[in-house]
PDB file of N, CA and C in Angstrom:
ATOM      1  N   UNK A   1      -8.377  -5.907  17.479  1.00  0.00           N
ATOM      2  CA  UNK A   1      -7.143  -5.226  17.808  1.00  0.00           C
ATOM      3  C   UNK A   1      -7.048  -4.915  19.290  1.00  0.00           C
ATOM      4  N   UNK A   2      -8.100  -5.203  20.014  1.00  0.00           N
ATOM      5  CA  UNK A   2      -8.115  -4.884  21.443  1.00  0.00           C
ATOM      6  C   UNK A   2      -7.062  -5.673  22.220  1.00  0.00           C
ATOM      7  N   UNK A   3      -6.690  -6.854  21.733  1.00  0.00           N
ATOM      8  CA  UNK A   3      -5.734  -7.666  22.478  1.00  0.00           C
ATOM      9  C   UNK A   3      -4.276  -7.414  22.067  1.00  0.00           C
ATOM     10  N   UNK A   4      -4.032  -6.466  21.178  1.00  0.00           N
ATOM     11  CA  UNK A   4      -2.656  -6.137  20.793  1.00  0.00           C
ATOM     12  C   UNK A   4      -1.956  -5.399  21.926  1.00  0.00           C
ATOM     13  N   UNK A   5      -0.651  -5.596  22.031  1.00  0.00           N
ATOM     14  CA  UNK A   5       0.141  -4.897  23.041  1.00  0.00           C
ATOM     15  C   UNK A   5       0.787  -3.675  22.399  1.00  0.00           C
ATOM     16  N   UNK A   6       0.148  -2.511  22.589  1.00  0.00           N
ATOM     17  CA  UNK A   6       0.608  -1.260  21.993  1.00  0.00           C
ATOM     18  C   UNK A   6       1.734  -0.656  22.824  1.00  0.00           C
ATOM     19  N   UNK A   7       2.756  -0.151  22.138  1.00  0.00           N
ATOM     20  CA  UNK A   7       3.898   0.500  22.765  1.00  0.00           C
ATOM     21  C   UNK A   7       3.933   1.949  22.297  1.00  0.00           C
ATOM     22  N   UNK A   8       4.048   2.889  23.238  1.00  0.00           N
ATOM     23  CA  UNK A   8       4.144   4.307  22.885  1.00  0.00           C
ATOM     24  C   UNK A   8       5.557   4.626  22.413  1.00  0.00           C
ATOM     25  N   UNK A   9       5.656   5.415  21.345  1.00  0.00           N
ATOM     26  CA  UNK A   9       6.948   5.863  20.833  1.00  0.00           C
ATOM     27  C   UNK A   9       6.920   7.391  20.739  1.00  0.00           C
ATOM     28  N   UNK A  10       8.063   8.025  20.530  1.00  0.00           N
ATOM     29  CA  UNK A  10       8.078   9.485  20.416  1.00  0.00           C
ATOM     30  C   UNK A  10       7.152   9.976  19.298  1.00  0.00           C
ATOM     31  N   UNK A  11       6.608  11.150  19.498  1.00  0.00           N
ATOM     32  CA  UNK A  11       5.747  11.738  18.483  1.00  0.00           C
ATOM     33  C   UNK A  11       4.309  11.267  18.523  1.00  0.00           C
ATOM     34  N   UNK A  12       3.933  10.549  19.572  1.00  0.00           N
ATOM     35  CA  UNK A  12       2.546  10.112  19.697  1.00  0.00           C
ATOM     36  C   UNK A  12       2.180   8.911  18.849  1.00  0.00           C
ATOM     37  N   UNK A  13       3.162   8.233  18.299  1.00  0.00           N
ATOM     38  CA  UNK A  13       2.914   7.039  17.492  1.00  0.00           C
ATOM     39  C   UNK A  13       2.898   5.823  18.407  1.00  0.00           C
ATOM     40  N   UNK A  14       1.905   4.955  18.203  1.00  0.00           N
ATOM     41  CA  UNK A  14       1.826   3.716  18.977  1.00  0.00           C
ATOM     42  C   UNK A  14       2.053   2.551  18.028  1.00  0.00           C
ATOM     43  N   UNK A  15       2.821   1.559  18.477  1.00  0.00           N
ATOM     44  CA  UNK A  15       3.185   0.415  17.643  1.00  0.00           C
ATOM     45  C   UNK A  15       2.839  -0.871  18.378  1.00  0.00           C
ATOM     46  N   UNK A  16       2.285  -1.830  17.634  1.00  0.00           N
ATOM     47  CA  UNK A  16       2.027  -3.177  18.166  1.00  0.00           C
ATOM     48  C   UNK A  16       2.763  -4.167  17.266  1.00  0.00           C
ATOM     49  N   UNK A  17       3.921  -4.673  17.719  1.00  0.00           N
ATOM     50  CA  UNK A  17       4.656  -5.653  16.913  1.00  0.00           C
ATOM     51  C   UNK A  17       3.814  -6.913  16.690  1.00  0.00           C
ATOM     52  N   UNK A  18       3.847  -7.441  15.455  1.00  0.00           N
ATOM     53  CA  UNK A  18       3.078  -8.640  15.126  1.00  0.00           C
ATOM     54  C   UNK A  18       3.971  -9.842  14.843  1.00  0.00           C
ATOM     55  N   UNK A  19       5.026  -9.645  14.064  1.00  0.00           N
ATOM     56  CA  UNK A  19       5.899 -10.759  13.697  1.00  0.00           C
ATOM     57  C   UNK A  19       7.277 -10.237  13.297  1.00  0.00           C
ATOM     58  N   UNK A  20       8.267 -11.136  13.382  1.00  0.00           N
ATOM     59  CA  UNK A  20       9.636 -10.860  12.955  1.00  0.00           C
ATOM     60  C   UNK A  20      10.171 -12.117  12.285  1.00  0.00           C
ATOM     61  N   UNK A  21      10.808 -11.946  11.142  1.00  0.00           N
ATOM     62  CA  UNK A  21      11.519 -13.047  10.497  1.00  0.00           C
ATOM     63  C   UNK A  21      13.003 -12.809  10.739  1.00  0.00           C
ATOM     64  N   UNK A  22      13.604 -13.495  11.735  1.00  0.00           N
ATOM     65  CA  UNK A  22      14.990 -13.211  12.105  1.00  0.00           C
ATOM     66  C   UNK A  22      16.005 -13.537  11.019  1.00  0.00           C
ATOM     67  N   UNK A  23      15.669 -14.446  10.101  1.00  0.00           N
ATOM     68  CA  UNK A  23      16.620 -14.800   9.045  1.00  0.00           C
ATOM     69  C   UNK A  23      16.828 -13.656   8.067  1.00  0.00           C
ATOM     70  N   UNK A  24      15.780 -12.913   7.751  1.00  0.00           N
ATOM     71  CA  UNK A  24      15.904 -11.820   6.787  1.00  0.00           C
ATOM     72  C   UNK A  24      15.558 -10.462   7.415  1.00  0.00           C
ATOM     73  N   UNK A  25      15.341 -10.444   8.729  1.00  0.00           N
ATOM     74  CA  UNK A  25      15.099  -9.227   9.507  1.00  0.00           C
ATOM     75  C   UNK A  25      13.880  -8.434   9.067  1.00  0.00           C
ATOM     76  N   UNK A  26      12.903  -9.079   8.468  1.00  0.00           N
ATOM     77  CA  UNK A  26      11.657  -8.385   8.131  1.00  0.00           C
ATOM     78  C   UNK A  26      10.774  -8.323   9.364  1.00  0.00           C
ATOM     79  N   UNK A  27       9.957  -7.278   9.433  1.00  0.00           N
ATOM     80  CA  UNK A  27       9.090  -7.046  10.585  1.00  0.00           C
ATOM     81  C   UNK A  27       7.686  -6.683  10.111  1.00  0.00           C
ATOM     82  N   UNK A  28       6.674  -7.092  10.873  1.00  0.00           N
ATOM     83  CA  UNK A  28       5.305  -6.671  10.634  1.00  0.00           C
ATOM     84  C   UNK A  28       4.756  -6.057  11.905  1.00  0.00           C
ATOM     85  N   UNK A  29       4.047  -4.941  11.763  1.00  0.00           N
ATOM     86  CA  UNK A  29       3.518  -4.275  12.949  1.00  0.00           C
ATOM     87  C   UNK A  29       2.271  -3.467  12.598  1.00  0.00           C
ATOM     88  N   UNK A  30       1.467  -3.250  13.613  1.00  0.00           N
ATOM     89  CA  UNK A  30       0.356  -2.307  13.506  1.00  0.00           C
ATOM     90  C   UNK A  30       0.880  -0.974  14.015  1.00  0.00           C
ATOM     91  N   UNK A  31       0.462   0.106  13.369  1.00  0.00           N
ATOM     92  CA  UNK A  31       0.896   1.453  13.751  1.00  0.00           C
ATOM     93  C   UNK A  31      -0.346   2.311  13.913  1.00  0.00           C
ATOM     94  N   UNK A  32      -0.451   3.007  15.038  1.00  0.00           N
ATOM     95  CA  UNK A  32      -1.589   3.895  15.316  1.00  0.00           C
ATOM     96  C   UNK A  32      -1.067   5.323  15.400  1.00  0.00           C
ATOM     97  N   UNK A  33      -1.619   6.195  14.535  1.00  0.00           N
ATOM     98  CA  UNK A  33      -1.158   7.576  14.435  1.00  0.00           C
ATOM     99  C   UNK A  33      -2.290   8.539  14.740  1.00  0.00           C
ATOM    100  N   UNK A  34      -1.990   9.559  15.514  1.00  0.00           N
ATOM    101  CA  UNK A  34      -2.969  10.596  15.826  1.00  0.00           C
ATOM    102  C   UNK A  34      -3.141  11.509  14.613  1.00  0.00           C
ATOM    103  N   UNK A  35      -4.195  12.278  14.629  1.00  0.00           N
ATOM    104  CA  UNK A  35      -4.438  13.264  13.579  1.00  0.00           C
ATOM    105  C   UNK A  35      -3.221  14.183  13.486  1.00  0.00           C
ATOM    106  N   UNK A  36      -2.777  14.454  12.269  1.00  0.00           N
ATOM    107  CA  UNK A  36      -1.658  15.369  12.090  1.00  0.00           C
ATOM    108  C   UNK A  36      -1.788  16.106  10.770  1.00  0.00           C
ATOM    109  N   UNK A  37      -1.193  17.263  10.730  1.00  0.00           N
ATOM    110  CA  UNK A  37      -1.116  17.960   9.469  1.00  0.00           C
ATOM    111  C   UNK A  37       0.288  18.418   9.270  1.00  0.00           C
ATOM    112  N   UNK A  38       0.754  18.256   8.108  1.00  0.00           N
ATOM    113  CA  UNK A  38       1.682  17.196   7.777  1.00  0.00           C
ATOM    114  C   UNK A  38       2.784  17.012   8.793  1.00  0.00           C
ATOM    115  N   UNK A  39       3.137  15.762   8.940  1.00  0.00           N
ATOM    116  CA  UNK A  39       4.236  15.415   9.835  1.00  0.00           C
ATOM    117  C   UNK A  39       5.568  15.862   9.248  1.00  0.00           C
ATOM    118  N   UNK A  40       6.592  15.720  10.036  1.00  0.00           N
ATOM    119  CA  UNK A  40       7.937  16.121   9.611  1.00  0.00           C
ATOM    120  C   UNK A  40       8.418  15.260   8.448  1.00  0.00           C
ATOM    121  N   UNK A  41       9.305  15.821   7.638  1.00  0.00           N
ATOM    122  CA  UNK A  41       9.962  15.050   6.592  1.00  0.00           C
ATOM    123  C   UNK A  41      10.844  14.007   7.282  1.00  0.00           C
ATOM    124  N   UNK A  42      10.804  12.781   6.773  1.00  0.00           N
ATOM    125  CA  UNK A  42      11.589  11.707   7.370  1.00  0.00           C
ATOM    126  C   UNK A  42      11.904  10.661   6.316  1.00  0.00           C
ATOM    127  N   UNK A  43      12.737   9.719   6.715  1.00  0.00           N
ATOM    128  CA  UNK A  43      13.052   8.579   5.858  1.00  0.00           C
ATOM    129  C   UNK A  43      13.433   7.404   6.748  1.00  0.00           C
ATOM    130  N   UNK A  44      13.494   6.232   6.135  1.00  0.00           N
ATOM    131  CA  UNK A  44      13.860   4.999   6.827  1.00  0.00           C
ATOM    132  C   UNK A  44      14.950   4.298   6.025  1.00  0.00           C
ATOM    133  N   UNK A  45      15.763   3.511   6.688  1.00  0.00           N
ATOM    134  CA  UNK A  45      16.810   2.760   6.003  1.00  0.00           C
ATOM    135  C   UNK A  45      16.208   1.737   5.045  1.00  0.00           C
ATOM    136  N   UNK A  46      15.163   1.042   5.509  1.00  0.00           N
ATOM    137  CA  UNK A  46      14.567  -0.036   4.725  1.00  0.00           C
ATOM    138  C   UNK A  46      13.198   0.360   4.184  1.00  0.00           C
ATOM    139  N   UNK A  47      12.826  -0.254   3.082  1.00  0.00           N
ATOM    140  CA  UNK A  47      11.510  -0.032   2.483  1.00  0.00           C
ATOM    141  C   UNK A  47      10.422  -0.633   3.369  1.00  0.00           C
ATOM    142  N   UNK A  48       9.196  -0.136   3.174  1.00  0.00           N
ATOM    143  CA  UNK A  48       8.043  -0.746   3.837  1.00  0.00           C
ATOM    144  C   UNK A  48       6.824  -0.665   2.940  1.00  0.00           C
ATOM    145  N   UNK A  49       5.829  -1.486   3.276  1.00  0.00           N
ATOM    146  CA  UNK A  49       4.523  -1.467   2.627  1.00  0.00           C
ATOM    147  C   UNK A  49       3.499  -1.197   3.719  1.00  0.00           C
ATOM    148  N   UNK A  50       2.565  -0.290   3.450  1.00  0.00           N
ATOM    149  CA  UNK A  50       1.555   0.062   4.452  1.00  0.00           C
ATOM    150  C   UNK A  50       0.159  -0.121   3.872  1.00  0.00           C
ATOM    151  N   UNK A  51      -0.749  -0.637   4.693  1.00  0.00           N
ATOM    152  CA  UNK A  51      -2.162  -0.783   4.347  1.00  0.00           C
ATOM    153  C   UNK A  51      -2.961  -0.048   5.413  1.00  0.00           C
ATOM    154  N   UNK A  52      -3.896   0.790   4.997  1.00  0.00           N
ATOM    155  CA  UNK A  52      -4.740   1.510   5.951  1.00  0.00           C
ATOM    156  C   UNK A  52      -5.834   0.571   6.448  1.00  0.00           C
ATOM    157  N   UNK A  53      -5.889   0.395   7.756  1.00  0.00           N
ATOM    158  CA  UNK A  53      -6.917  -0.436   8.387  1.00  0.00           C
ATOM    159  C   UNK A  53      -8.125   0.422   8.758  1.00  0.00           C
ATOM    160  N   UNK A  54      -7.865   1.586   9.354  1.00  0.00           N
ATOM    161  CA  UNK A  54      -8.941   2.525   9.686  1.00  0.00           C
ATOM    162  C   UNK A  54      -8.373   3.935   9.637  1.00  0.00           C
ATOM    163  N   UNK A  55      -9.259   4.908   9.453  1.00  0.00           N
ATOM    164  CA  UNK A  55      -8.824   6.293   9.345  1.00  0.00           C
ATOM    165  C   UNK A  55      -8.529   6.655   7.899  1.00  0.00           C
ATOM    166  N   UNK A  56      -7.631   7.615   7.702  1.00  0.00           N
ATOM    167  CA  UNK A  56      -7.298   8.091   6.362  1.00  0.00           C
ATOM    168  C   UNK A  56      -5.882   8.655   6.365  1.00  0.00           C
ATOM    169  N   UNK A  57      -5.279   8.685   5.184  1.00  0.00           N
ATOM    170  CA  UNK A  57      -3.903   9.157   5.074  1.00  0.00           C
ATOM    171  C   UNK A  57      -3.656   9.800   3.721  1.00  0.00           C
ATOM    172  N   UNK A  58      -2.765  10.767   3.735  1.00  0.00           N
ATOM    173  CA  UNK A  58      -2.119  11.259   2.524  1.00  0.00           C
ATOM    174  C   UNK A  58      -0.642  10.972   2.730  1.00  0.00           C
ATOM    175  N   UNK A  59      -0.002  10.443   1.703  1.00  0.00           N
ATOM    176  CA  UNK A  59       1.406  10.049   1.787  1.00  0.00           C
ATOM    177  C   UNK A  59       2.077  10.554   0.526  1.00  0.00           C
ATOM    178  N   UNK A  60       3.140  11.361   0.680  1.00  0.00           N
ATOM    179  CA  UNK A  60       3.817  11.881  -0.494  1.00  0.00           C
ATOM    180  C   UNK A  60       5.324  11.874  -0.300  1.00  0.00           C
ATOM    181  N   UNK A  61       6.029  11.792  -1.414  1.00  0.00           N
ATOM    182  CA  UNK A  61       7.489  11.721  -1.398  1.00  0.00           C
ATOM    183  C   UNK A  61       8.087  13.057  -1.823  1.00  0.00           C
ATOM    184  N   UNK A  62       9.399  13.174  -1.615  1.00  0.00           N
ATOM    185  CA  UNK A  62      10.102  14.407  -1.971  1.00  0.00           C
ATOM    186  C   UNK A  62       9.790  14.775  -3.417  1.00  0.00           C
ATOM    187  N   UNK A  63       9.505  16.055  -3.634  1.00  0.00           N
ATOM    188  CA  UNK A  63       9.132  16.534  -4.962  1.00  0.00           C
ATOM    189  C   UNK A  63       7.633  16.648  -5.140  1.00  0.00           C
ATOM    190  N   UNK A  64       6.841  16.087  -4.217  1.00  0.00           N
ATOM    191  CA  UNK A  64       5.384  16.199  -4.233  1.00  0.00           C
ATOM    192  C   UNK A  64       4.938  17.026  -3.038  1.00  0.00           C
ATOM    193  N   UNK A  65       3.666  17.431  -3.058  1.00  0.00           N
ATOM    194  CA  UNK A  65       3.024  18.078  -1.914  1.00  0.00           C
ATOM    195  C   UNK A  65       1.755  17.296  -1.585  1.00  0.00           C
ATOM    196  N   UNK A  66       1.138  17.640  -0.467  1.00  0.00           N
ATOM    197  CA  UNK A  66      -0.115  16.983  -0.072  1.00  0.00           C
ATOM    198  C   UNK A  66      -1.195  17.175  -1.138  1.00  0.00           C
ATOM    199  N   UNK A  67      -1.160  18.302  -1.846  1.00  0.00           N
ATOM    200  CA  UNK A  67      -2.151  18.561  -2.898  1.00  0.00           C
ATOM    201  C   UNK A  67      -1.973  17.653  -4.113  1.00  0.00           C
ATOM    202  N   UNK A  68      -0.804  17.049  -4.267  1.00  0.00           N
ATOM    203  CA  UNK A  68      -0.522  16.191  -5.425  1.00  0.00           C
ATOM    204  C   UNK A  68      -1.060  14.777  -5.276  1.00  0.00           C
ATOM    205  N   UNK A  69      -1.440  14.372  -4.059  1.00  0.00           N
ATOM    206  CA  UNK A  69      -1.835  12.980  -3.828  1.00  0.00           C
ATOM    207  C   UNK A  69      -3.264  12.897  -3.317  1.00  0.00           C
ATOM    208  N   UNK A  70      -3.893  11.765  -3.596  1.00  0.00           N
ATOM    209  CA  UNK A  70      -5.276  11.537  -3.168  1.00  0.00           C
ATOM    210  C   UNK A  70      -5.339  11.131  -1.702  1.00  0.00           C
ATOM    211  N   UNK A  71      -6.453  11.437  -1.068  1.00  0.00           N
ATOM    212  CA  UNK A  71      -6.723  10.945   0.282  1.00  0.00           C
ATOM    213  C   UNK A  71      -7.019   9.455   0.176  1.00  0.00           C
ATOM    214  N   UNK A  72      -6.344   8.640   0.995  1.00  0.00           N
ATOM    215  CA  UNK A  72      -6.541   7.198   0.988  1.00  0.00           C
ATOM    216  C   UNK A  72      -7.282   6.769   2.239  1.00  0.00           C
ATOM    217  N   UNK A  73      -8.090   5.713   2.107  1.00  0.00           N
ATOM    218  CA  UNK A  73      -8.863   5.206   3.234  1.00  0.00           C
ATOM    219  C   UNK A  73      -8.637   3.720   3.436  1.00  0.00           C
ATOM    220  N   UNK A  74      -9.450   3.090   4.298  1.00  0.00           N
ATOM    221  CA  UNK A  74      -9.283   1.672   4.612  1.00  0.00           C
ATOM    222  C   UNK A  74      -9.190   0.797   3.358  1.00  0.00           C
ATOM    223  N   UNK A  75      -8.175  -0.072   3.359  1.00  0.00           N
ATOM    224  CA  UNK A  75      -7.928  -0.963   2.231  1.00  0.00           C
ATOM    225  C   UNK A  75      -6.925  -0.417   1.231  1.00  0.00           C
ATOM    226  N   UNK A  76      -6.717   0.898   1.228  1.00  0.00           N
ATOM    227  CA  UNK A  76      -5.712   1.483   0.336  1.00  0.00           C
ATOM    228  C   UNK A  76      -4.322   1.207   0.895  1.00  0.00           C
ATOM    229  N   UNK A  77      -3.325   1.270   0.031  1.00  0.00           N
ATOM    230  CA  UNK A  77      -1.966   0.935   0.456  1.00  0.00           C
ATOM    231  C   UNK A  77      -0.955   1.751  -0.321  1.00  0.00           C
ATOM    232  N   UNK A  78       0.302   1.734   0.167  1.00  0.00           N
ATOM    233  CA  UNK A  78       1.410   2.340  -0.557  1.00  0.00           C
ATOM    234  C   UNK A  78       2.696   1.604  -0.234  1.00  0.00           C
ATOM    235  N   UNK A  79       3.686   1.839  -1.087  1.00  0.00           N
ATOM    236  CA  UNK A  79       5.034   1.326  -0.913  1.00  0.00           C
ATOM    237  C   UNK A  79       5.935   2.525  -0.688  1.00  0.00           C
ATOM    238  N   UNK A  80       6.809   2.451   0.318  1.00  0.00           N
ATOM    239  CA  UNK A  80       7.774   3.517   0.591  1.00  0.00           C
ATOM    240  C   UNK A  80       9.176   2.936   0.456  1.00  0.00           C
ATOM    241  N   UNK A  81       9.930   3.459  -0.508  1.00  0.00           N
ATOM    242  CA  UNK A  81      11.305   2.989  -0.720  1.00  0.00           C
ATOM    243  C   UNK A  81      12.194   3.408   0.441  1.00  0.00           C
ATOM    244  N   UNK A  82      13.143   2.574   0.800  1.00  0.00           N
ATOM    245  CA  UNK A  82      14.131   2.925   1.811  1.00  0.00           C
ATOM    246  C   UNK A  82      15.008   4.062   1.311  1.00  0.00           C
ATOM    247  N   UNK A  83      15.384   4.969   2.222  1.00  0.00           N
ATOM    248  CA  UNK A  83      16.260   6.076   1.877  1.00  0.00           C
ATOM    249  C   UNK A  83      15.588   7.235   1.170  1.00  0.00           C
ATOM    250  N   UNK A  84      14.284   7.169   0.940  1.00  0.00           N
ATOM    251  CA  UNK A  84      13.561   8.225   0.228  1.00  0.00           C
ATOM    252  C   UNK A  84      12.816   9.121   1.224  1.00  0.00           C
ATOM    253  N   UNK A  85      13.004  10.429   1.124  1.00  0.00           N
ATOM    254  CA  UNK A  85      12.313  11.380   1.997  1.00  0.00           C
ATOM    255  C   UNK A  85      10.825  11.387   1.685  1.00  0.00           C
ATOM    256  N   UNK A  86       9.996  11.498   2.745  1.00  0.00           N
ATOM    257  CA  UNK A  86       8.543  11.544   2.551  1.00  0.00           C
ATOM    258  C   UNK A  86       7.870  12.252   3.717  1.00  0.00           C
ATOM    259  N   UNK A  87       6.574  12.527   3.543  1.00  0.00           N
ATOM    260  CA  UNK A  87       5.726  13.078   4.598  1.00  0.00           C
ATOM    261  C   UNK A  87       4.369  12.402   4.552  1.00  0.00           C
ATOM    262  N   UNK A  88       3.652  12.477   5.683  1.00  0.00           N
ATOM    263  CA  UNK A  88       2.292  11.941   5.798  1.00  0.00           C
ATOM    264  C   UNK A  88       1.391  12.974   6.437  1.00  0.00           C
ATOM    265  N   UNK A  89       0.104  12.790   6.212  1.00  0.00           N
ATOM    266  CA  UNK A  89      -0.924  13.580   6.892  1.00  0.00           C
ATOM    267  C   UNK A  89      -2.069  12.616   7.205  1.00  0.00           C
ATOM    268  N   UNK A  90      -2.665  12.742   8.387  1.00  0.00           N
ATOM    269  CA  UNK A  90      -3.756  11.859   8.808  1.00  0.00           C
ATOM    270  C   UNK A  90      -4.955  12.723   9.184  1.00  0.00           C
ATOM    271  N   UNK A  91      -5.720  13.183   8.180  1.00  0.00           N
ATOM    272  CA  UNK A  91      -6.787  14.162   8.394  1.00  0.00           C
ATOM    273  C   UNK A  91      -8.125  13.539   8.809  1.00  0.00           C
ATOM    274  N   UNK A  92      -8.148  12.903   9.966  1.00  0.00           N
ATOM    275  CA  UNK A  92      -9.379  12.300  10.472  1.00  0.00           C
ATOM    276  C   UNK A  92      -9.617  12.771  11.903  1.00  0.00           C
ATOM    277  N   UNK A  93     -10.823  12.572  12.385  1.00  0.00           N
ATOM    278  CA  UNK A  93     -11.136  12.976  13.762  1.00  0.00           C
ATOM    279  C   UNK A  93     -10.488  12.059  14.793  1.00  0.00           C
ATOM    280  N   UNK A  94     -10.282  10.817  14.432  1.00  0.00           N
ATOM    281  CA  UNK A  94      -9.670   9.855  15.344  1.00  0.00           C
ATOM    282  C   UNK A  94      -8.347   9.370  14.799  1.00  0.00           C
ATOM    283  N   UNK A  95      -7.764   8.369  15.450  1.00  0.00           N
ATOM    284  CA  UNK A  95      -6.479   7.848  14.986  1.00  0.00           C
ATOM    285  C   UNK A  95      -6.610   7.095  13.661  1.00  0.00           C
ATOM    286  N   UNK A  96      -5.502   7.015  12.953  1.00  0.00           N
ATOM    287  CA  UNK A  96      -5.401   6.179  11.754  1.00  0.00           C
ATOM    288  C   UNK A  96      -4.560   4.965  12.128  1.00  0.00           C
ATOM    289  N   UNK A  97      -5.032   3.782  11.747  1.00  0.00           N
ATOM    290  CA  UNK A  97      -4.318   2.540  12.045  1.00  0.00           C
ATOM    291  C   UNK A  97      -3.845   1.935  10.726  1.00  0.00           C
ATOM    292  N   UNK A  98      -2.564   1.569  10.701  1.00  0.00           N
ATOM    293  CA  UNK A  98      -1.945   0.966   9.528  1.00  0.00           C
ATOM    294  C   UNK A  98      -1.373  -0.401   9.883  1.00  0.00           C
ATOM    295  N   UNK A  99      -1.347  -1.304   8.903  1.00  0.00           N
ATOM    296  CA  UNK A  99      -0.516  -2.495   8.985  1.00  0.00           C
ATOM    297  C   UNK A  99       0.721  -2.172   8.159  1.00  0.00           C
ATOM    298  N   UNK A 100       1.919  -2.339   8.734  1.00  0.00           N
ATOM    299  CA  UNK A 100       3.165  -2.016   8.051  1.00  0.00           C
ATOM    300  C   UNK A 100       4.081  -3.240   8.042  1.00  0.00           C
ATOM    301  N   UNK A 101       4.552  -3.609   6.850  1.00  0.00           N
ATOM    302  CA  UNK A 101       5.515  -4.702   6.689  1.00  0.00           C
ATOM    303  C   UNK A 101       6.831  -4.094   6.214  1.00  0.00           C
ATOM    304  N   UNK A 102       7.877  -4.275   7.014  1.00  0.00           N
ATOM    305  CA  UNK A 102       9.196  -3.705   6.770  1.00  0.00           C
ATOM    306  C   UNK A 102      10.115  -4.726   6.114  1.00  0.00           C
ATOM    307  N   UNK A 103      10.997  -4.236   5.220  1.00  0.00           N
ATOM    308  CA  UNK A 103      11.999  -5.093   4.591  1.00  0.00           C
ATOM    309  C   UNK A 103      13.234  -5.284   5.462  1.00  0.00           C
ATOM    310  N   UNK A 104      13.297  -4.642   6.605  1.00  0.00           N
ATOM    311  CA  UNK A 104      14.416  -4.755   7.530  1.00  0.00           C
ATOM    312  C   UNK A 104      14.023  -4.157   8.866  1.00  0.00           C
ATOM    313  N   UNK A 105      14.989  -3.985   9.736  1.00  0.00           N
ATOM    314  CA  UNK A 105      14.741  -3.407  11.064  1.00  0.00           C
ATOM    315  C   UNK A 105      14.144  -2.004  10.918  1.00  0.00           C
ATOM    316  N   UNK A 106      12.982  -1.734  11.519  1.00  0.00           N
ATOM    317  CA  UNK A 106      12.393  -0.400  11.431  1.00  0.00           C
ATOM    318  C   UNK A 106      13.274   0.654  12.113  1.00  0.00           C
ATOM    319  N   UNK A 107      13.407   1.788  11.474  1.00  0.00           N
ATOM    320  CA  UNK A 107      14.088   2.938  12.047  1.00  0.00           C
ATOM    321  C   UNK A 107      13.483   4.196  11.426  1.00  0.00           C
ATOM    322  N   UNK A 108      13.740   5.337  12.029  1.00  0.00           N
ATOM    323  CA  UNK A 108      13.233   6.598  11.490  1.00  0.00           C
ATOM    324  C   UNK A 108      14.308   7.652  11.629  1.00  0.00           C
ATOM    325  N   UNK A 109      14.544   8.372  10.549  1.00  0.00           N
ATOM    326  CA  UNK A 109      15.453   9.513  10.561  1.00  0.00           C
ATOM    327  C   UNK A 109      14.624  10.763  10.291  1.00  0.00           C
ATOM    328  N   UNK A 110      14.447  11.595  11.316  1.00  0.00           N
ATOM    329  CA  UNK A 110      13.664  12.824  11.189  1.00  0.00           C
ATOM    330  C   UNK A 110      14.525  13.864  10.494  1.00  0.00           C
ATOM    331  N   UNK A 111      13.951  14.546   9.504  1.00  0.00           N
ATOM    332  CA  UNK A 111      14.704  15.483   8.682  1.00  0.00           C
ATOM    333  C   UNK A 111      14.189  16.909   8.751  1.00  0.00           C
ATOM    334  N   UNK A 112      13.133  17.166   9.525  1.00  0.00           N
ATOM    335  CA  UNK A 112      12.591  18.513   9.657  1.00  0.00           C
ATOM    336  C   UNK A 112      11.229  18.643   9.037  1.00  0.00           C
ATOM    337  N   UNK A 113      10.793  19.880   8.906  1.00  0.00           N
ATOM    338  CA  UNK A 113       9.438  20.167   8.376  1.00  0.00           C
ATOM    339  C   UNK A 113       9.397  20.136   6.875  1.00  0.00           C
TER     340      UNK A 113
END
């Protein structure tokens, strides 16, 4: 991953674009997230699939809490539906790195705590 071109985004998230399919607007990217307890509630227009490469994550959707979900580590994955509110937590000493495949153009709508 040393040769990836990481781009800083708001909130301390770093992204390294990997591929784009212009015909169907799908995107693949690496995402590097700093330790956080829980991030803001947010949603995206399009669904995505995430695989943990390193670090750890808790990922939960509206109606759940961090206590309702298991801590996931490298090799674990989840699916996030588009338009669904969710939160994440990355309880590790270092960054958590994910591979994320989007069903459309990536976007984020921040909804608060």
